Protein backbone atom coordinates (compact mmCIF):
# COMPACT_ATOMS: atom_id res chain seq x y z
CA UNK A 1 -7.18 39.36 17.39
CA UNK A 2 -9.84 38.45 19.77
CA UNK A 3 -9.37 36.37 22.84
CA UNK A 4 -10.99 33.34 21.20
CA UNK A 5 -8.60 33.73 18.34
CA UNK A 6 -5.62 33.94 20.75
CA UNK A 7 -6.88 30.74 22.65
CA UNK A 8 -7.15 28.74 19.33
CA UNK A 9 -3.62 29.94 18.30
CA UNK A 10 -2.34 29.03 21.77
CA UNK A 11 -3.68 25.57 21.50
CA UNK A 12 -2.55 24.83 17.88
CA UNK A 13 0.94 26.01 18.98
CA UNK A 14 0.99 23.79 22.06
CA UNK A 15 -0.38 20.85 20.23
CA UNK A 16 2.29 21.15 17.42
CA UNK A 17 4.97 21.66 19.88
CA UNK A 18 3.84 18.57 21.87
CA UNK A 19 3.69 16.48 18.75
CA UNK A 20 7.15 17.51 17.74
CA UNK A 21 8.73 16.69 20.98
CA UNK A 22 7.10 13.32 21.25
CA UNK A 23 8.40 12.41 17.61
CA UNK A 24 11.81 13.55 18.53
CA UNK A 25 11.96 11.61 21.81
CA UNK A 26 10.71 8.53 19.83
CA UNK A 27 13.46 8.84 17.34
CA UNK A 28 15.87 9.22 20.02
CA UNK A 29 14.91 6.14 21.99
CA UNK A 30 15.04 4.27 18.61
CA UNK A 31 18.39 5.56 17.86
CA UNK A 32 17.52 7.30 15.03
CA UNK A 33 18.44 10.64 16.56
CA UNK A 34 21.31 11.36 19.12
CA UNK A 35 20.20 13.37 21.95
CA UNK A 36 20.62 16.80 21.49
CA UNK A 37 20.98 16.48 17.64
CA UNK A 38 17.63 17.92 16.78
CA UNK A 39 17.75 21.02 19.03
CA UNK A 40 21.23 21.63 17.61
CA UNK A 41 19.86 21.36 14.10
CA UNK A 42 16.96 23.74 14.93
CA UNK A 43 19.39 26.37 16.43
CA UNK A 44 21.53 26.35 13.23
CA UNK A 45 18.30 26.42 11.12
CA UNK A 46 17.33 29.51 13.13
CA UNK A 47 20.56 31.23 12.92
CA UNK A 48 20.74 30.60 8.96
CA UNK A 49 17.11 31.69 8.24
CA UNK A 50 16.71 34.41 11.00
CA UNK A 51 15.74 36.98 8.60
CA UNK A 52 13.10 35.08 6.87
CA UNK A 53 11.45 33.62 9.82
CA UNK A 54 8.46 35.36 11.36
CA UNK A 55 8.54 36.38 14.96
CA UNK A 56 5.87 33.78 15.77
CA UNK A 57 7.72 30.99 13.83
CA UNK A 58 11.05 32.04 15.66
CA UNK A 59 9.31 31.89 18.99
CA UNK A 60 7.68 28.56 18.30
CA UNK A 61 11.03 26.78 17.22
CA UNK A 62 12.95 28.42 20.18
CA UNK A 63 10.19 27.07 22.46
CA UNK A 64 10.42 23.66 20.85
CA UNK A 65 14.30 23.66 21.05
CA UNK A 66 14.34 24.59 24.72
CA UNK A 67 11.76 22.00 25.52
CA UNK A 68 13.90 19.51 24.13
CA UNK A 69 16.99 20.45 25.99
CA UNK A 70 15.19 19.55 29.20
C-alpha cells in the first residue's frame, strides 16, 4: 500500500469515526440514547463477533468506542 493510499484510508476512517461520534452525541442530547449505551453496545458486538471482524474493523470500532467514553 502506498503512502497516498494510507493517507486516503486514514482520512476515510477519521471522517467515519467523527460522523458516528457526532450522531451518537446528537442522539444522547435528544434523549434517544443514554450516555454510555452505544459504547457498551459496541463492546458487546465486538465480543460476540470477534472471529468474524477484520483487524481493521476491530480497530475502528475500538477507536470509536474509546472516543465516546471520554
